[in-house]
Amino acid sequence: VSDRDFVAEFLFVLSLIGIHLSRLSE
């Protein structure tokens, strides 16, 4: 009832993808 690891993992993956796309754009 208290685990939100899957949400944190999903947000981390989105953040990492966004950072890599931003670096590629630069």
mmCIF file of all heavy atoms, coordinates in Angstrom:
data_MODEL
# 
_entry.id   MODEL 
# 
loop_
_atom_site.group_PDB 
_atom_site.id 
_atom_site.type_symbol 
_atom_site.label_atom_id 
_atom_site.label_alt_id 
_atom_site.label_comp_id 
_atom_site.label_asym_id 
_atom_site.label_entity_id 
_atom_site.label_seq_id 
_atom_site.pdbx_PDB_ins_code 
_atom_site.Cartn_x 
_atom_site.Cartn_y 
_atom_site.Cartn_z 
_atom_site.occupancy 
_atom_site.B_iso_or_equiv 
_atom_site.pdbx_formal_charge 
_atom_site.auth_seq_id 
_atom_site.auth_comp_id 
_atom_site.auth_asym_id 
_atom_site.auth_atom_id 
_atom_site.pdbx_PDB_model_num 
ATOM 1   N N   . VAL A 1 1  ? 0.811  -1.222 0.000   1.00 0.00 ? 1  VAL A N   1 
ATOM 2   C CA  . VAL A 1 1  ? 0.000  0.000  0.000   1.00 0.00 ? 1  VAL A CA  1 
ATOM 3   C C   . VAL A 1 1  ? 0.844  1.272  0.000   1.00 0.00 ? 1  VAL A C   1 
ATOM 4   O O   . VAL A 1 1  ? 0.325  2.351  -0.264  1.00 0.00 ? 1  VAL A O   1 
ATOM 5   C CB  . VAL A 1 1  ? -0.983 0.035  1.198   1.00 0.00 ? 1  VAL A CB  1 
ATOM 6   C CG1 . VAL A 1 1  ? -1.968 -1.099 1.104   1.00 0.00 ? 1  VAL A CG1 1 
ATOM 7   C CG2 . VAL A 1 1  ? -0.245 0.006  2.527   1.00 0.00 ? 1  VAL A CG2 1 
ATOM 8   N N   . SER A 1 2  ? 2.138  1.166  0.275   1.00 0.00 ? 2  SER A N   1 
ATOM 9   C CA  . SER A 1 2  ? 2.941  2.389  0.360   1.00 0.00 ? 2  SER A CA  1 
ATOM 10  C C   . SER A 1 2  ? 4.013  2.499  -0.710  1.00 0.00 ? 2  SER A C   1 
ATOM 11  O O   . SER A 1 2  ? 4.622  3.556  -0.857  1.00 0.00 ? 2  SER A O   1 
ATOM 12  C CB  . SER A 1 2  ? 3.622  2.476  1.726   1.00 0.00 ? 2  SER A CB  1 
ATOM 13  O OG  . SER A 1 2  ? 4.619  1.472  1.852   1.00 0.00 ? 2  SER A OG  1 
ATOM 14  N N   . ASP A 1 3  ? 4.255  1.457  -1.457  1.00 0.00 ? 3  ASP A N   1 
ATOM 15  C CA  . ASP A 1 3  ? 5.340  1.452  -2.430  1.00 0.00 ? 3  ASP A CA  1 
ATOM 16  C C   . ASP A 1 3  ? 5.027  2.344  -3.620  1.00 0.00 ? 3  ASP A C   1 
ATOM 17  O O   . ASP A 1 3  ? 3.978  2.226  -4.234  1.00 0.00 ? 3  ASP A O   1 
ATOM 18  C CB  . ASP A 1 3  ? 5.589  0.023  -2.914  1.00 0.00 ? 3  ASP A CB  1 
ATOM 19  C CG  . ASP A 1 3  ? 6.685  -0.033 -3.946  1.00 0.00 ? 3  ASP A CG  1 
ATOM 20  O OD1 . ASP A 1 3  ? 7.719  0.605  -3.719  1.00 0.00 ? 3  ASP A OD1 1 
ATOM 21  O OD2 . ASP A 1 3  ? 6.506  -0.711 -4.970  1.00 0.00 ? 3  ASP A OD2 1 
ATOM 22  N N   . ARG A 1 4  ? 5.944  3.249  -3.939  1.00 0.00 ? 4  ARG A N   1 
ATOM 23  C CA  . ARG A 1 4  ? 5.840  4.078  -5.131  1.00 0.00 ? 4  ARG A CA  1 
ATOM 24  C C   . ARG A 1 4  ? 7.133  4.010  -5.943  1.00 0.00 ? 4  ARG A C   1 
ATOM 25  O O   . ARG A 1 4  ? 7.442  4.895  -6.711  1.00 0.00 ? 4  ARG A O   1 
ATOM 26  C CB  . ARG A 1 4  ? 5.537  5.548  -4.762  1.00 0.00 ? 4  ARG A CB  1 
ATOM 27  C CG  . ARG A 1 4  ? 4.177  5.788  -4.142  1.00 0.00 ? 4  ARG A CG  1 
ATOM 28  C CD  . ARG A 1 4  ? 3.065  5.384  -5.089  1.00 0.00 ? 4  ARG A CD  1 
ATOM 29  N NE  . ARG A 1 4  ? 1.756  5.709  -4.560  1.00 0.00 ? 4  ARG A NE  1 
ATOM 30  C CZ  . ARG A 1 4  ? 1.014  4.932  -3.806  1.00 0.00 ? 4  ARG A CZ  1 
ATOM 31  N NH1 . ARG A 1 4  ? 1.472  3.755  -3.439  1.00 0.00 ? 4  ARG A NH1 1 
ATOM 32  N NH2 . ARG A 1 4  ? -0.174 5.293  -3.400  1.00 0.00 ? 4  ARG A NH2 1 
ATOM 33  N N   . ASP A 1 5  ? 7.882  2.933  -5.762  1.00 0.00 ? 5  ASP A N   1 
ATOM 34  C CA  . ASP A 1 5  ? 9.136  2.775  -6.500  1.00 0.00 ? 5  ASP A CA  1 
ATOM 35  C C   . ASP A 1 5  ? 8.901  2.782  -7.999  1.00 0.00 ? 5  ASP A C   1 
ATOM 36  O O   . ASP A 1 5  ? 9.693  3.343  -8.753  1.00 0.00 ? 5  ASP A O   1 
ATOM 37  C CB  . ASP A 1 5  ? 9.831  1.472  -6.105  1.00 0.00 ? 5  ASP A CB  1 
ATOM 38  C CG  . ASP A 1 5  ? 10.396 1.503  -4.699  1.00 0.00 ? 5  ASP A CG  1 
ATOM 39  O OD1 . ASP A 1 5  ? 10.328 2.579  -4.062  1.00 0.00 ? 5  ASP A OD1 1 
ATOM 40  O OD2 . ASP A 1 5  ? 10.895 0.459  -4.237  1.00 0.00 ? 5  ASP A OD2 1 
ATOM 41  N N   . PHE A 1 6  ? 7.813  2.179  -8.441  1.00 0.00 ? 6  PHE A N   1 
ATOM 42  C CA  . PHE A 1 6  ? 7.546  2.129  -9.879  1.00 0.00 ? 6  PHE A CA  1 
ATOM 43  C C   . PHE A 1 6  ? 7.322  3.519  -10.458 1.00 0.00 ? 6  PHE A C   1 
ATOM 44  O O   . PHE A 1 6  ? 7.703  3.789  -11.595 1.00 0.00 ? 6  PHE A O   1 
ATOM 45  C CB  . PHE A 1 6  ? 6.354  1.210  -10.186 1.00 0.00 ? 6  PHE A CB  1 
ATOM 46  C CG  . PHE A 1 6  ? 5.043  1.674  -9.625  1.00 0.00 ? 6  PHE A CG  1 
ATOM 47  C CD1 . PHE A 1 6  ? 4.145  2.360  -10.418 1.00 0.00 ? 6  PHE A CD1 1 
ATOM 48  C CD2 . PHE A 1 6  ? 4.704  1.419  -8.309  1.00 0.00 ? 6  PHE A CD2 1 
ATOM 49  C CE1 . PHE A 1 6  ? 2.929  2.797  -9.914  1.00 0.00 ? 6  PHE A CE1 1 
ATOM 50  C CE2 . PHE A 1 6  ? 3.493  1.840  -7.794  1.00 0.00 ? 6  PHE A CE2 1 
ATOM 51  C CZ  . PHE A 1 6  ? 2.603  2.535  -8.596  1.00 0.00 ? 6  PHE A CZ  1 
ATOM 52  N N   . VAL A 1 7  ? 6.744  4.424  -9.671  1.00 0.00 ? 7  VAL A N   1 
ATOM 53  C CA  . VAL A 1 7  ? 6.538  5.797  -10.139 1.00 0.00 ? 7  VAL A CA  1 
ATOM 54  C C   . VAL A 1 7  ? 7.881  6.520  -10.205 1.00 0.00 ? 7  VAL A C   1 
ATOM 55  O O   . VAL A 1 7  ? 8.183  7.200  -11.188 1.00 0.00 ? 7  VAL A O   1 
ATOM 56  C CB  . VAL A 1 7  ? 5.563  6.568  -9.216  1.00 0.00 ? 7  VAL A CB  1 
ATOM 57  C CG1 . VAL A 1 7  ? 5.382  7.995  -9.686  1.00 0.00 ? 7  VAL A CG1 1 
ATOM 58  C CG2 . VAL A 1 7  ? 4.224  5.859  -9.134  1.00 0.00 ? 7  VAL A CG2 1 
ATOM 59  N N   . ALA A 1 8  ? 8.701  6.342  -9.170  1.00 0.00 ? 8  ALA A N   1 
ATOM 60  C CA  . ALA A 1 8  ? 10.025 6.978  -9.158  1.00 0.00 ? 8  ALA A CA  1 
ATOM 61  C C   . ALA A 1 8  ? 10.889 6.452  -10.297 1.00 0.00 ? 8  ALA A C   1 
ATOM 62  O O   . ALA A 1 8  ? 11.592 7.228  -10.957 1.00 0.00 ? 8  ALA A O   1 
ATOM 63  C CB  . ALA A 1 8  ? 10.716 6.736  -7.807  1.00 0.00 ? 8  ALA A CB  1 
ATOM 64  N N   . GLU A 1 9  ? 10.826 5.150  -10.561 1.00 0.00 ? 9  GLU A N   1 
ATOM 65  C CA  . GLU A 1 9  ? 11.611 4.579  -11.657 1.00 0.00 ? 9  GLU A CA  1 
ATOM 66  C C   . GLU A 1 9  ? 11.143 5.124  -13.004 1.00 0.00 ? 9  GLU A C   1 
ATOM 67  O O   . GLU A 1 9  ? 11.953 5.436  -13.879 1.00 0.00 ? 9  GLU A O   1 
ATOM 68  C CB  . GLU A 1 9  ? 11.514 3.057  -11.643 1.00 0.00 ? 9  GLU A CB  1 
ATOM 69  C CG  . GLU A 1 9  ? 12.261 2.425  -10.483 1.00 0.00 ? 9  GLU A CG  1 
ATOM 70  C CD  . GLU A 1 9  ? 11.993 0.938  -10.345 1.00 0.00 ? 9  GLU A CD  1 
ATOM 71  O OE1 . GLU A 1 9  ? 11.276 0.360  -11.197 1.00 0.00 ? 9  GLU A OE1 1 
ATOM 72  O OE2 . GLU A 1 9  ? 12.506 0.345  -9.390  1.00 0.00 ? 9  GLU A OE2 1 
ATOM 73  N N   . PHE A 1 10 ? 9.839  5.244  -13.182 1.00 0.00 ? 10 PHE A N   1 
ATOM 74  C CA  . PHE A 1 10 ? 9.293  5.774  -14.435 1.00 0.00 ? 10 PHE A CA  1 
ATOM 75  C C   . PHE A 1 10 ? 9.719  7.231  -14.637 1.00 0.00 ? 10 PHE A C   1 
ATOM 76  O O   . PHE A 1 10 ? 10.143 7.617  -15.727 1.00 0.00 ? 10 PHE A O   1 
ATOM 77  C CB  . PHE A 1 10 ? 7.772  5.652  -14.434 1.00 0.00 ? 10 PHE A CB  1 
ATOM 78  C CG  . PHE A 1 10 ? 7.120  6.147  -15.687 1.00 0.00 ? 10 PHE A CG  1 
ATOM 79  C CD1 . PHE A 1 10 ? 7.281  5.472  -16.882 1.00 0.00 ? 10 PHE A CD1 1 
ATOM 80  C CD2 . PHE A 1 10 ? 6.337  7.290  -15.672 1.00 0.00 ? 10 PHE A CD2 1 
ATOM 81  C CE1 . PHE A 1 10 ? 6.681  5.930  -18.047 1.00 0.00 ? 10 PHE A CE1 1 
ATOM 82  C CE2 . PHE A 1 10 ? 5.730  7.761  -16.822 1.00 0.00 ? 10 PHE A CE2 1 
ATOM 83  C CZ  . PHE A 1 10 ? 5.911  7.068  -18.013 1.00 0.00 ? 10 PHE A CZ  1 
ATOM 84  N N   . LEU A 1 11 ? 9.631  8.043  -13.576 1.00 0.00 ? 11 LEU A N   1 
ATOM 85  C CA  . LEU A 1 11 ? 10.053 9.439  -13.679 1.00 0.00 ? 11 LEU A CA  1 
ATOM 86  C C   . LEU A 1 11 ? 11.552 9.551  -13.957 1.00 0.00 ? 11 LEU A C   1 
ATOM 87  O O   . LEU A 1 11 ? 11.993 10.434 -14.700 1.00 0.00 ? 11 LEU A O   1 
ATOM 88  C CB  . LEU A 1 11 ? 9.682  10.208 -12.410 1.00 0.00 ? 11 LEU A CB  1 
ATOM 89  C CG  . LEU A 1 11 ? 8.200  10.475 -12.201 1.00 0.00 ? 11 LEU A CG  1 
ATOM 90  C CD1 . LEU A 1 11 ? 7.964  11.156 -10.866 1.00 0.00 ? 11 LEU A CD1 1 
ATOM 91  C CD2 . LEU A 1 11 ? 7.631  11.307 -13.331 1.00 0.00 ? 11 LEU A CD2 1 
ATOM 92  N N   . PHE A 1 12 ? 12.342 8.654  -13.366 1.00 0.00 ? 12 PHE A N   1 
ATOM 93  C CA  . PHE A 1 12 ? 13.784 8.664  -13.639 1.00 0.00 ? 12 PHE A CA  1 
ATOM 94  C C   . PHE A 1 12 ? 14.060 8.355  -15.105 1.00 0.00 ? 12 PHE A C   1 
ATOM 95  O O   . PHE A 1 12 ? 14.872 9.027  -15.751 1.00 0.00 ? 12 PHE A O   1 
ATOM 96  C CB  . PHE A 1 12 ? 14.523 7.667  -12.748 1.00 0.00 ? 12 PHE A CB  1 
ATOM 97  C CG  . PHE A 1 12 ? 15.959 7.490  -13.154 1.00 0.00 ? 12 PHE A CG  1 
ATOM 98  C CD1 . PHE A 1 12 ? 16.894 8.472  -12.882 1.00 0.00 ? 12 PHE A CD1 1 
ATOM 99  C CD2 . PHE A 1 12 ? 16.357 6.364  -13.851 1.00 0.00 ? 12 PHE A CD2 1 
ATOM 100 C CE1 . PHE A 1 12 ? 18.210 8.336  -13.290 1.00 0.00 ? 12 PHE A CE1 1 
ATOM 101 C CE2 . PHE A 1 12 ? 17.675 6.218  -14.263 1.00 0.00 ? 12 PHE A CE2 1 
ATOM 102 C CZ  . PHE A 1 12 ? 18.601 7.205  -13.975 1.00 0.00 ? 12 PHE A CZ  1 
ATOM 103 N N   . VAL A 1 13 ? 13.389 7.341  -15.639 1.00 0.00 ? 13 VAL A N   1 
ATOM 104 C CA  . VAL A 1 13 ? 13.598 6.979  -17.048 1.00 0.00 ? 13 VAL A CA  1 
ATOM 105 C C   . VAL A 1 13 ? 13.208 8.143  -17.958 1.00 0.00 ? 13 VAL A C   1 
ATOM 106 O O   . VAL A 1 13 ? 13.935 8.486  -18.897 1.00 0.00 ? 13 VAL A O   1 
ATOM 107 C CB  . VAL A 1 13 ? 12.822 5.692  -17.400 1.00 0.00 ? 13 VAL A CB  1 
ATOM 108 C CG1 . VAL A 1 13 ? 12.785 5.452  -18.897 1.00 0.00 ? 13 VAL A CG1 1 
ATOM 109 C CG2 . VAL A 1 13 ? 13.433 4.489  -16.688 1.00 0.00 ? 13 VAL A CG2 1 
ATOM 110 N N   . LEU A 1 14 ? 12.073 8.788  -17.688 1.00 0.00 ? 14 LEU A N   1 
ATOM 111 C CA  . LEU A 1 14 ? 11.666 9.946  -18.486 1.00 0.00 ? 14 LEU A CA  1 
ATOM 112 C C   . LEU A 1 14 ? 12.686 11.075 -18.388 1.00 0.00 ? 14 LEU A C   1 
ATOM 113 O O   . LEU A 1 14 ? 13.022 11.705 -19.393 1.00 0.00 ? 14 LEU A O   1 
ATOM 114 C CB  . LEU A 1 14 ? 10.297 10.454 -18.035 1.00 0.00 ? 14 LEU A CB  1 
ATOM 115 C CG  . LEU A 1 14 ? 9.085  9.624  -18.408 1.00 0.00 ? 14 LEU A CG  1 
ATOM 116 C CD1 . LEU A 1 14 ? 7.809  10.285 -17.872 1.00 0.00 ? 14 LEU A CD1 1 
ATOM 117 C CD2 . LEU A 1 14 ? 8.987  9.422  -19.900 1.00 0.00 ? 14 LEU A CD2 1 
ATOM 118 N N   . SER A 1 15 ? 13.177 11.331 -17.188 1.00 0.00 ? 15 SER A N   1 
ATOM 119 C CA  . SER A 1 15 ? 14.177 12.383 -16.996 1.00 0.00 ? 15 SER A CA  1 
ATOM 120 C C   . SER A 1 15 ? 15.449 12.085 -17.766 1.00 0.00 ? 15 SER A C   1 
ATOM 121 O O   . SER A 1 15 ? 16.021 12.968 -18.421 1.00 0.00 ? 15 SER A O   1 
ATOM 122 C CB  . SER A 1 15 ? 14.518 12.531 -15.508 1.00 0.00 ? 15 SER A CB  1 
ATOM 123 O OG  . SER A 1 15 ? 13.392 12.897 -14.768 1.00 0.00 ? 15 SER A OG  1 
ATOM 124 N N   . LEU A 1 16 ? 15.904 10.850 -17.706 1.00 0.00 ? 16 LEU A N   1 
ATOM 125 C CA  . LEU A 1 16 ? 17.141 10.476 -18.387 1.00 0.00 ? 16 LEU A CA  1 
ATOM 126 C C   . LEU A 1 16 ? 16.978 10.562 -19.908 1.00 0.00 ? 16 LEU A C   1 
ATOM 127 O O   . LEU A 1 16 ? 17.873 11.052 -20.598 1.00 0.00 ? 16 LEU A O   1 
ATOM 128 C CB  . LEU A 1 16 ? 17.566 9.070  -17.969 1.00 0.00 ? 16 LEU A CB  1 
ATOM 129 C CG  . LEU A 1 16 ? 18.974 8.653  -18.361 1.00 0.00 ? 16 LEU A CG  1 
ATOM 130 C CD1 . LEU A 1 16 ? 20.010 9.600  -17.760 1.00 0.00 ? 16 LEU A CD1 1 
ATOM 131 C CD2 . LEU A 1 16 ? 19.239 7.231  -17.919 1.00 0.00 ? 16 LEU A CD2 1 
ATOM 132 N N   . ILE A 1 17 ? 15.840 10.123 -20.420 1.00 0.00 ? 17 ILE A N   1 
ATOM 133 C CA  . ILE A 1 17 ? 15.581 10.247 -21.859 1.00 0.00 ? 17 ILE A CA  1 
ATOM 134 C C   . ILE A 1 17 ? 15.576 11.717 -22.262 1.00 0.00 ? 17 ILE A C   1 
ATOM 135 O O   . ILE A 1 17 ? 16.180 12.107 -23.269 1.00 0.00 ? 17 ILE A O   1 
ATOM 136 C CB  . ILE A 1 17 ? 14.247 9.564  -22.238 1.00 0.00 ? 17 ILE A CB  1 
ATOM 137 C CG1 . ILE A 1 17 ? 14.380 8.051  -22.153 1.00 0.00 ? 17 ILE A CG1 1 
ATOM 138 C CG2 . ILE A 1 17 ? 13.799 9.980  -23.642 1.00 0.00 ? 17 ILE A CG2 1 
ATOM 139 C CD1 . ILE A 1 17 ? 13.069 7.304  -22.272 1.00 0.00 ? 17 ILE A CD1 1 
ATOM 140 N N   . GLY A 1 18 ? 14.903 12.563 -21.469 1.00 0.00 ? 18 GLY A N   1 
ATOM 141 C CA  . GLY A 1 18 ? 14.858 13.994 -21.768 1.00 0.00 ? 18 GLY A CA  1 
ATOM 142 C C   . GLY A 1 18 ? 16.234 14.628 -21.760 1.00 0.00 ? 18 GLY A C   1 
ATOM 143 O O   . GLY A 1 18 ? 16.559 15.455 -22.619 1.00 0.00 ? 18 GLY A O   1 
ATOM 144 N N   . ILE A 1 19 ? 17.066 14.232 -20.811 1.00 0.00 ? 19 ILE A N   1 
ATOM 145 C CA  . ILE A 1 19 ? 18.415 14.785 -20.731 1.00 0.00 ? 19 ILE A CA  1 
ATOM 146 C C   . ILE A 1 19 ? 19.249 14.362 -21.934 1.00 0.00 ? 19 ILE A C   1 
ATOM 147 O O   . ILE A 1 19 ? 19.964 15.173 -22.537 1.00 0.00 ? 19 ILE A O   1 
ATOM 148 C CB  . ILE A 1 19 ? 19.084 14.388 -19.402 1.00 0.00 ? 19 ILE A CB  1 
ATOM 149 C CG1 . ILE A 1 19 ? 18.444 15.196 -18.263 1.00 0.00 ? 19 ILE A CG1 1 
ATOM 150 C CG2 . ILE A 1 19 ? 20.585 14.602 -19.439 1.00 0.00 ? 19 ILE A CG2 1 
ATOM 151 C CD1 . ILE A 1 19 ? 18.819 14.734 -16.891 1.00 0.00 ? 19 ILE A CD1 1 
ATOM 152 N N   . HIS A 1 20 ? 19.150 13.101 -22.325 1.00 0.00 ? 20 HIS A N   1 
ATOM 153 C CA  . HIS A 1 20 ? 19.907 12.637 -23.493 1.00 0.00 ? 20 HIS A CA  1 
ATOM 154 C C   . HIS A 1 20 ? 19.427 13.314 -24.778 1.00 0.00 ? 20 HIS A C   1 
ATOM 155 O O   . HIS A 1 20 ? 20.244 13.678 -25.629 1.00 0.00 ? 20 HIS A O   1 
ATOM 156 C CB  . HIS A 1 20 ? 19.816 11.113 -23.624 1.00 0.00 ? 20 HIS A CB  1 
ATOM 157 C CG  . HIS A 1 20 ? 20.674 10.388 -22.644 1.00 0.00 ? 20 HIS A CG  1 
ATOM 158 N ND1 . HIS A 1 20 ? 22.037 10.553 -22.562 1.00 0.00 ? 20 HIS A ND1 1 
ATOM 159 C CD2 . HIS A 1 20 ? 20.357 9.492  -21.681 1.00 0.00 ? 20 HIS A CD2 1 
ATOM 160 C CE1 . HIS A 1 20 ? 22.523 9.792  -21.605 1.00 0.00 ? 20 HIS A CE1 1 
ATOM 161 N NE2 . HIS A 1 20 ? 21.526 9.136  -21.053 1.00 0.00 ? 20 HIS A NE2 1 
ATOM 162 N N   . LEU A 1 21 ? 18.123 13.500 -24.931 1.00 0.00 ? 21 LEU A N   1 
ATOM 163 C CA  . LEU A 1 21 ? 17.602 14.195 -26.108 1.00 0.00 ? 21 LEU A CA  1 
ATOM 164 C C   . LEU A 1 21 ? 18.062 15.651 -26.131 1.00 0.00 ? 21 LEU A C   1 
ATOM 165 O O   . LEU A 1 21 ? 18.386 16.201 -27.186 1.00 0.00 ? 21 LEU A O   1 
ATOM 166 C CB  . LEU A 1 21 ? 16.079 14.118 -26.156 1.00 0.00 ? 21 LEU A CB  1 
ATOM 167 C CG  . LEU A 1 21 ? 15.492 12.753 -26.510 1.00 0.00 ? 21 LEU A CG  1 
ATOM 168 C CD1 . LEU A 1 21 ? 13.972 12.785 -26.389 1.00 0.00 ? 21 LEU A CD1 1 
ATOM 169 C CD2 . LEU A 1 21 ? 15.919 12.322 -27.901 1.00 0.00 ? 21 LEU A CD2 1 
ATOM 170 N N   . SER A 1 22 ? 18.101 16.274 -24.967 1.00 0.00 ? 22 SER A N   1 
ATOM 171 C CA  . SER A 1 22 ? 18.555 17.653 -24.877 1.00 0.00 ? 22 SER A CA  1 
ATOM 172 C C   . SER A 1 22 ? 20.033 17.763 -25.263 1.00 0.00 ? 22 SER A C   1 
ATOM 173 O O   . SER A 1 22 ? 20.434 18.685 -25.982 1.00 0.00 ? 22 SER A O   1 
ATOM 174 C CB  . SER A 1 22 ? 18.342 18.180 -23.458 1.00 0.00 ? 22 SER A CB  1 
ATOM 175 O OG  . SER A 1 22 ? 18.794 19.502 -23.348 1.00 0.00 ? 22 SER A OG  1 
ATOM 176 N N   . ARG A 1 23 ? 20.844 16.827 -24.802 1.00 0.00 ? 23 ARG A N   1 
ATOM 177 C CA  . ARG A 1 23 ? 22.269 16.840 -25.145 1.00 0.00 ? 23 ARG A CA  1 
ATOM 178 C C   . ARG A 1 23 ? 22.470 16.629 -26.638 1.00 0.00 ? 23 ARG A C   1 
ATOM 179 O O   . ARG A 1 23 ? 23.305 17.286 -27.261 1.00 0.00 ? 23 ARG A O   1 
ATOM 180 C CB  . ARG A 1 23 ? 23.009 15.767 -24.347 1.00 0.00 ? 23 ARG A CB  1 
ATOM 181 C CG  . ARG A 1 23 ? 23.022 16.066 -22.849 1.00 0.00 ? 23 ARG A CG  1 
ATOM 182 C CD  . ARG A 1 23 ? 23.671 14.965 -22.071 1.00 0.00 ? 23 ARG A CD  1 
ATOM 183 N NE  . ARG A 1 23 ? 25.091 14.920 -22.405 1.00 0.00 ? 23 ARG A NE  1 
ATOM 184 C CZ  . ARG A 1 23 ? 25.862 13.873 -22.162 1.00 0.00 ? 23 ARG A CZ  1 
ATOM 185 N NH1 . ARG A 1 23 ? 25.368 12.790 -21.616 1.00 0.00 ? 23 ARG A NH1 1 
ATOM 186 N NH2 . ARG A 1 23 ? 27.133 13.901 -22.473 1.00 0.00 ? 23 ARG A NH2 1 
ATOM 187 N N   . LEU A 1 24 ? 21.697 15.713 -27.223 1.00 0.00 ? 24 LEU A N   1 
ATOM 188 C CA  . LEU A 1 24 ? 21.777 15.482 -28.662 1.00 0.00 ? 24 LEU A CA  1 
ATOM 189 C C   . LEU A 1 24 ? 21.383 16.742 -29.421 1.00 0.00 ? 24 LEU A C   1 
ATOM 190 O O   . LEU A 1 24 ? 22.029 17.124 -30.402 1.00 0.00 ? 24 LEU A O   1 
ATOM 191 C CB  . LEU A 1 24 ? 20.870 14.313 -29.057 1.00 0.00 ? 24 LEU A CB  1 
ATOM 192 C CG  . LEU A 1 24 ? 20.771 14.015 -30.550 1.00 0.00 ? 24 LEU A CG  1 
ATOM 193 C CD1 . LEU A 1 24 ? 22.124 13.588 -31.101 1.00 0.00 ? 24 LEU A CD1 1 
ATOM 194 C CD2 . LEU A 1 24 ? 19.709 12.964 -30.805 1.00 0.00 ? 24 LEU A CD2 1 
ATOM 195 N N   . SER A 1 25 ? 20.340 17.420 -28.965 1.00 0.00 ? 25 SER A N   1 
ATOM 196 C CA  . SER A 1 25 ? 19.901 18.664 -29.601 1.00 0.00 ? 25 SER A CA  1 
ATOM 197 C C   . SER A 1 25 ? 20.982 19.727 -29.546 1.00 0.00 ? 25 SER A C   1 
ATOM 198 O O   . SER A 1 25 ? 21.211 20.446 -30.520 1.00 0.00 ? 25 SER A O   1 
ATOM 199 C CB  . SER A 1 25 ? 18.634 19.187 -28.919 1.00 0.00 ? 25 SER A CB  1 
ATOM 200 O OG  . SER A 1 25 ? 17.583 18.294 -29.100 1.00 0.00 ? 25 SER A OG  1 
ATOM 201 N N   . GLU A 1 26 ? 21.627 19.852 -28.403 1.00 0.00 ? 26 GLU A N   1 
ATOM 202 C CA  . GLU A 1 26 ? 22.702 20.836 -28.267 1.00 0.00 ? 26 GLU A CA  1 
ATOM 203 C C   . GLU A 1 26 ? 23.840 20.541 -29.240 1.00 0.00 ? 26 GLU A C   1 
ATOM 204 O O   . GLU A 1 26 ? 24.410 21.461 -29.837 1.00 0.00 ? 26 GLU A O   1 
ATOM 205 C CB  . GLU A 1 26 ? 23.217 20.883 -26.832 1.00 0.00 ? 26 GLU A CB  1 
ATOM 206 C CG  . GLU A 1 26 ? 22.232 21.458 -25.841 1.00 0.00 ? 26 GLU A CG  1 
ATOM 207 C CD  . GLU A 1 26 ? 21.844 22.896 -26.150 1.00 0.00 ? 26 GLU A CD  1 
ATOM 208 O OE1 . GLU A 1 26 ? 22.676 23.667 -26.684 1.00 0.00 ? 26 GLU A OE1 1 
ATOM 209 O OE2 . GLU A 1 26 ? 20.683 23.244 -25.874 1.00 0.00 ? 26 GLU A OE2 1 
# 
